[in-house]
Protein backbone atom coordinates (compact mmCIF):
# COMPACT_ATOMS: atom_id res chain seq x y z
CA MET A 1 -19.14 25.49 -10.93
CA MET A 2 -19.82 22.16 -12.63
CA ARG A 3 -17.24 19.51 -13.42
CA SER A 4 -17.67 16.31 -15.39
CA PRO A 5 -14.94 13.73 -16.12
CA LYS A 6 -13.73 15.73 -19.14
CA ALA A 7 -15.15 19.24 -18.69
CA LEU A 8 -15.20 22.18 -16.30
CA ALA A 9 -17.61 25.12 -16.49
CA ILE A 10 -17.98 28.13 -14.19
CA ALA A 11 -20.96 30.47 -14.60
CA VAL A 12 -21.31 33.87 -12.92
CA ARG A 13 -24.10 36.44 -13.12
CA LYS A 14 -22.71 39.96 -13.44
CA SER A 15 -24.32 43.01 -11.90
CA ASN A 16 -26.06 43.84 -15.21
CA GLY A 17 -27.78 40.43 -15.21
CA GLU A 18 -25.57 38.90 -17.91
CA ILE A 19 -24.34 35.34 -17.25
CA ILE A 20 -20.63 34.94 -18.00
CA VAL A 21 -19.31 31.41 -18.51
CA ARG A 22 -15.75 30.16 -18.40
CA GLU A 23 -15.64 26.72 -19.98
CA ALA A 24 -12.85 24.36 -20.91
CA PRO A 25 -12.05 20.68 -21.36
CA TRP A 26 -10.87 19.13 -18.10
CA ARG A 27 -8.12 16.60 -17.63
CA SER A 28 -7.54 15.22 -14.18
CA VAL A 29 -4.05 14.49 -12.89
CA SER A 30 -5.16 10.86 -12.68
CA ASP A 31 -5.73 10.82 -16.47
CA ARG A 32 -2.02 11.48 -16.92
CA MET A 33 -1.03 9.10 -14.12
CA PRO A 34 -3.40 6.09 -14.26
CA LEU A 35 -2.03 4.72 -10.97
CA LEU A 36 -3.86 7.57 -9.22
CA LYS A 37 -7.19 6.14 -10.41
CA LYS A 38 -6.77 3.17 -8.10
CA PRO A 39 -9.07 2.92 -5.05
CA PHE A 40 -7.85 4.89 -2.03
CA LEU A 41 -5.52 6.98 -4.22
CA ARG A 42 -8.24 8.56 -6.37
CA GLY A 43 -9.89 10.09 -3.30
CA VAL A 44 -6.77 12.11 -2.42
CA VAL A 45 -6.53 13.40 -6.00
CA THR A 46 -10.24 14.26 -6.09
CA LEU A 47 -10.00 16.18 -2.81
CA GLY A 48 -7.00 18.20 -3.98
CA GLU A 49 -8.55 19.02 -7.34
CA ALA A 50 -11.85 19.98 -5.73
CA LEU A 51 -10.03 22.42 -3.42
CA VAL A 52 -8.08 24.04 -6.26
CA ASN A 53 -11.10 24.22 -8.59
CA GLY A 54 -13.35 25.58 -5.84
CA ILE A 55 -10.98 28.41 -4.97
CA ASP A 56 -10.42 29.08 -8.68
CA ALA A 57 -14.19 29.36 -9.19
CA LEU A 58 -14.53 31.78 -6.27
CA THR A 59 -11.63 33.82 -7.66
CA PHE A 60 -13.25 33.95 -11.11
CA SER A 61 -16.49 35.12 -9.51
CA ALA A 62 -14.66 37.76 -7.47
CA ASN A 63 -12.81 38.96 -10.56
CA GLN A 64 -16.11 39.47 -12.40
CA ALA A 65 -17.30 41.61 -9.50
CA LEU A 66 -14.02 43.57 -9.54
CA ASP A 67 -14.37 44.01 -13.30
CA ASP A 68 -17.80 45.56 -12.73
CA GLU A 69 -16.15 48.04 -10.36
CA ASP A 70 -13.12 48.66 -12.64
CA GLU A 71 -10.72 47.30 -10.02
CA GLU A 72 -7.61 45.17 -10.57
CA GLN A 73 -8.32 41.45 -10.86
CA MET A 74 -6.64 38.69 -8.88
CA GLY A 75 -3.74 37.00 -10.66
CA PHE A 76 -1.98 33.64 -10.33
CA TRP A 77 0.03 34.54 -7.24
CA ALA A 78 -3.03 35.91 -5.50
CA LEU A 79 -4.79 32.60 -6.19
CA ALA A 80 -1.76 30.60 -4.97
CA GLY A 81 -1.62 32.73 -1.83
CA THR A 82 -5.34 32.19 -1.23
CA ILE A 83 -4.92 28.41 -1.50
CA ALA A 84 -1.90 28.45 0.84
CA LEU A 85 -3.78 30.62 3.36
CA ALA A 86 -6.84 28.34 3.20
CA LEU A 87 -4.69 25.25 3.80
CA GLY A 88 -2.83 26.93 6.65
CA MET A 89 -6.03 28.04 8.36
CA GLY A 90 -7.49 24.57 7.90
CA VAL A 91 -4.49 22.93 9.59
CA VAL A 92 -4.54 25.35 12.52
CA LEU A 93 -8.31 25.30 13.08
CA PHE A 94 -9.04 21.63 12.44
CA VAL A 95 -5.82 19.83 13.42
CA VAL A 96 -3.59 21.87 15.75
CA LEU A 97 -6.29 23.58 17.85
CA PRO A 98 -8.43 20.45 18.52
CA HIS A 99 -5.34 18.37 19.35
CA TYR A 100 -4.05 20.77 21.98
CA LEU A 101 -7.50 21.43 23.43
CA ALA A 102 -7.99 17.66 23.80
CA LEU A 103 -4.54 17.45 25.41
CA ILE A 104 -5.46 20.16 27.94
CA ILE A 105 -8.78 18.48 28.73
CA GLY A 106 -7.08 15.11 29.13
CA ARG A 107 -4.39 16.39 31.49
CA LEU A 108 -6.37 18.89 33.51
CA GLY A 109 -9.81 17.24 33.45
CA PRO A 110 -11.11 14.38 35.58
CA LEU A 111 -10.76 11.69 32.86
CA ASP A 112 -6.92 11.84 32.73
CA PHE A 113 -6.28 10.54 29.18
CA GLU A 114 -3.31 10.85 26.82
CA VAL A 115 -2.73 10.84 23.05
CA ARG A 116 -2.51 7.04 22.86
CA SER A 117 -6.05 6.54 24.22
CA LEU A 118 -9.34 6.26 22.32
CA SER A 119 -10.83 8.85 24.71
CA PHE A 120 -8.32 11.44 23.50
CA HIS A 121 -9.24 10.98 19.85
CA ALA A 122 -12.96 10.90 20.59
CA VAL A 123 -12.67 14.24 22.40
CA ASP A 124 -10.43 15.54 19.61
CA GLY A 125 -13.11 14.55 17.07
CA VAL A 126 -15.90 16.23 19.03
CA ILE A 127 -13.84 19.43 19.24
CA LYS A 128 -13.13 19.32 15.49
CA MET A 129 -16.83 18.94 14.79
CA ALA A 130 -17.68 21.83 17.12
CA VAL A 131 -15.02 24.06 15.54
CA PHE A 132 -16.23 23.16 12.04
CA ILE A 133 -19.89 23.89 12.81
CA ALA A 134 -18.99 27.13 14.62
CA TYR A 135 -16.80 28.21 11.70
CA ILE A 136 -19.54 27.51 9.13
CA TRP A 137 -22.15 29.28 11.26
CA ILE A 138 -19.95 32.37 11.74
CA ILE A 139 -19.01 32.81 8.08
CA SER A 140 -22.63 32.22 7.03
CA ARG A 141 -23.49 35.49 8.80
CA PHE A 142 -21.64 37.36 6.04
CA LYS A 143 -23.85 38.32 3.10
CA ASP A 144 -21.39 37.23 0.40
CA ILE A 145 -20.85 33.81 2.01
CA ALA A 146 -24.61 33.37 2.41
CA ARG A 147 -24.92 33.87 -1.36
CA VAL A 148 -22.21 31.26 -1.93
CA PHE A 149 -24.26 28.81 0.16
CA GLU A 150 -27.35 29.66 -1.92
CA TYR A 151 -25.44 28.88 -5.12
CA HIS A 152 -24.25 25.68 -3.43
CA GLY A 153 -27.90 24.72 -3.00
CA ALA A 154 -28.58 25.64 -6.64
CA GLU A 155 -25.77 23.32 -7.77
CA HIS A 156 -27.30 20.42 -5.84
CA LYS A 157 -30.78 21.04 -7.25
CA SER A 158 -29.36 21.15 -10.78
CA ILE A 159 -27.43 17.91 -10.29
CA TYR A 160 -30.52 16.19 -8.91
CA ALA A 161 -32.49 17.33 -11.97
CA TYR A 162 -29.84 15.89 -14.27
CA GLU A 163 -29.64 12.60 -12.34
CA SER A 164 -33.42 12.22 -12.45
CA GLY A 165 -33.43 12.53 -16.23
CA ALA A 166 -35.66 15.61 -16.12
CA GLU A 167 -35.33 18.44 -18.61
CA LEU A 168 -32.80 20.94 -17.26
CA THR A 169 -35.12 23.86 -16.54
CA VAL A 170 -35.51 26.09 -13.50
CA ASP A 171 -39.04 24.82 -12.92
CA ASN A 172 -37.88 21.20 -12.85
CA ALA A 173 -34.80 21.81 -10.69
CA ARG A 174 -36.59 24.02 -8.15
CA GLY A 175 -38.41 21.15 -6.46
CA PHE A 176 -35.32 19.10 -5.64
CA SER A 177 -33.47 19.12 -2.32
CA THR A 178 -30.44 21.28 -1.57
CA LEU A 179 -28.89 18.30 0.29
CA HIS A 180 -26.83 15.80 -1.72
CA PRO A 181 -25.08 12.66 -0.39
CA ARG A 182 -21.98 13.14 -2.59
CA CYS A 183 -21.37 16.70 -1.39
CA GLY A 184 -17.96 17.57 0.05
CA THR A 185 -19.63 18.39 3.36
CA ALA A 186 -20.64 14.75 3.79
CA PHE A 187 -17.10 13.79 2.80
CA ILE A 188 -15.66 15.95 5.60
CA LEU A 189 -17.84 14.24 8.20
CA ILE A 190 -16.70 10.80 7.03
CA VAL A 191 -13.07 11.97 7.21
CA LEU A 192 -13.70 12.98 10.82
CA MET A 193 -15.21 9.61 11.78
CA ILE A 194 -12.45 7.59 10.11
CA SER A 195 -9.73 9.77 11.66
CA ILE A 196 -10.96 9.03 15.18
CA LEU A 197 -10.69 5.28 14.58
CA LEU A 198 -7.39 5.37 12.68
CA PHE A 199 -5.66 7.69 15.17
CA ALA A 200 -6.84 5.47 18.04
CA VAL A 201 -5.10 2.52 16.33
CA VAL A 202 -1.90 4.26 15.18
CA PHE A 203 -0.86 6.32 18.21
CA PRO A 204 -0.74 3.43 20.73
CA LEU A 205 1.75 1.82 18.33
CA ILE A 206 4.17 4.77 18.40
CA ILE A 207 3.76 5.96 22.01
CA PRO A 208 4.90 3.59 24.80
CA ALA A 209 2.34 2.87 27.52
CA GLY A 210 2.62 5.17 30.52
CA GLN A 211 4.63 7.81 28.63
CA LYS A 212 3.42 11.41 28.82
CA PRO A 213 4.92 13.26 25.82
CA GLY A 214 5.72 16.95 26.22
CA TRP A 215 3.86 19.80 24.59
CA GLY A 216 6.57 20.16 21.94
CA MET A 217 6.51 16.45 21.08
CA ASN A 218 2.80 16.82 20.43
CA LEU A 219 3.67 19.02 17.44
CA PHE A 220 5.31 15.91 15.99
CA PHE A 221 2.05 14.04 16.60
CA VAL A 222 0.16 16.82 14.82
CA GLY A 223 2.51 16.31 11.86
CA ILE A 224 1.69 12.59 11.85
CA LYS A 225 -2.02 13.44 11.83
CA ILE A 226 -1.53 15.72 8.82
CA LEU A 227 0.29 12.95 6.92
CA LEU A 228 -2.41 10.43 7.85
CA LEU A 229 -5.05 12.73 6.35
CA PHE A 230 -4.02 11.48 2.90
CA PRO A 231 -4.92 7.80 3.47
CA ILE A 232 -7.93 8.92 5.52
CA ALA A 233 -9.17 11.01 2.57
CA GLY A 234 -8.73 7.97 0.33
CA MET A 235 -10.78 5.76 2.64
CA ALA A 236 -13.45 8.44 3.14
CA TYR A 237 -13.84 8.91 -0.61
CA GLU A 238 -14.38 5.19 -1.19
CA LEU A 239 -16.90 4.94 1.65
CA ASN A 240 -18.79 8.05 0.53
CA LYS A 241 -18.81 6.88 -3.09
CA TYR A 242 -20.13 3.46 -2.15
CA ALA A 243 -22.68 4.73 0.38
CA SER A 244 -24.13 7.38 -1.96
CA GLY A 245 -24.76 4.66 -4.55
CA HIS A 246 -26.49 2.35 -2.06
CA MET A 247 -28.81 4.68 -0.17
CA ASP A 248 -31.39 1.90 0.05
CA ARG A 249 -29.33 0.30 2.83
CA LEU A 250 -30.11 1.57 6.31
CA ILE A 251 -26.58 1.36 7.70
CA LEU A 252 -25.18 3.37 4.77
CA ARG A 253 -27.93 5.98 5.04
CA ALA A 254 -26.98 6.29 8.72
CA ALA A 255 -23.32 6.79 7.78
CA ILE A 256 -24.20 9.59 5.35
CA ALA A 257 -26.91 11.23 7.51
CA PRO A 258 -24.59 13.47 9.61
CA GLY A 259 -23.16 14.94 6.41
CA LEU A 260 -26.65 15.73 5.15
CA TRP A 261 -27.52 17.39 8.47
CA VAL A 262 -24.44 19.63 8.30
CA GLN A 263 -25.36 20.56 4.71
CA LYS A 264 -28.28 22.44 6.24
CA LEU A 265 -25.58 24.95 7.23
CA THR A 266 -23.56 24.91 3.99
CA THR A 267 -26.51 25.13 1.58
CA ARG A 268 -29.48 27.47 1.43
CA GLU A 269 -32.60 27.64 -0.69
CA PRO A 270 -31.59 29.45 -3.89
CA SER A 271 -33.54 31.91 -5.99
CA ASP A 272 -34.66 31.04 -9.52
CA ASP A 273 -31.93 33.32 -10.87
CA GLN A 274 -29.30 31.33 -8.99
CA ILE A 275 -30.71 28.01 -10.20
CA GLU A 276 -30.55 29.39 -13.75
CA VAL A 277 -26.83 30.14 -13.34
CA ALA A 278 -26.17 26.63 -12.01
CA LEU A 279 -28.06 25.10 -14.94
CA VAL A 280 -26.07 27.17 -17.44
CA ALA A 281 -22.83 25.83 -15.95
CA LEU A 282 -24.17 22.27 -15.96
CA LYS A 283 -25.34 22.44 -19.58
CA LYS A 284 -21.97 23.85 -20.68
CA ALA A 285 -20.09 21.10 -18.85
CA LEU A 286 -22.32 18.43 -20.41
CA ALA A 287 -21.88 19.92 -23.89
CA ILE A 288 -18.08 19.92 -23.57
CA GLU A 289 -18.17 16.40 -22.13
CA ALA A 290 -20.16 15.17 -25.11
CA ALA A 291 -17.79 16.86 -27.56
CA GLU A 292 -14.66 15.50 -25.85
CA THR A 293 -16.10 11.99 -25.60
CA SER A 294 -17.00 11.90 -29.30
CA VAL A 295 -13.45 12.79 -30.36
């Protein structure tokens, strides 16, 4: 899948070798509501649109495979259910589970910390990172997911080729890295780092010193964390956008580095056939972008 400011293209190779492309002009929500283009708001919109478009692309790919096997394709409600399930699993795995594990460690371990302390949120962050890496490693064992990660690497190589000004050919794209600083994986790591700091500031303001909230009250705190993810996503987007454009600065390279390391799990070296598919999607997106811009 390739998206430009005004175009979206999804390319899939069918079992017979044919490359099928779904292409269309793209209009972001922020184009209809200019306020959402403001710093710290645009990141939330970008994250939401990336999630929806990503699942839509995977659904389109799955439908092409089902079409090859003469099986019923996924419709709108199946897609909506997939998005809801993905969001629900994300909340449970990366918000609820780490929070309660950190709570157990804080109350039963030797450090004796509570939700209002920096130690709690540092432990919470470490657990989130461990859960995320374990999750990625486990799903990467599945053949279909491994292929998704290979196509992820092909997308990055194609984007690098375009950004370098090289002709968009498989030979030119092949030599580029599968790791890209503007990847969503790097974004997730920045979200994690900012959340530790922001939670450590916010929770002491809403929990009186010396108070030990019950297990049920901690569900309320989890809800606060979920709401705070929106401003955190906005801050993370701005930092990632700025850092990826100033990679000559050591401190910014250091901020992005963990995200690049984790991309070693979420991307794999693609085949030439996979790079070809990524380039087809990129060329289609660029062609639509040029046509829409000239109107």
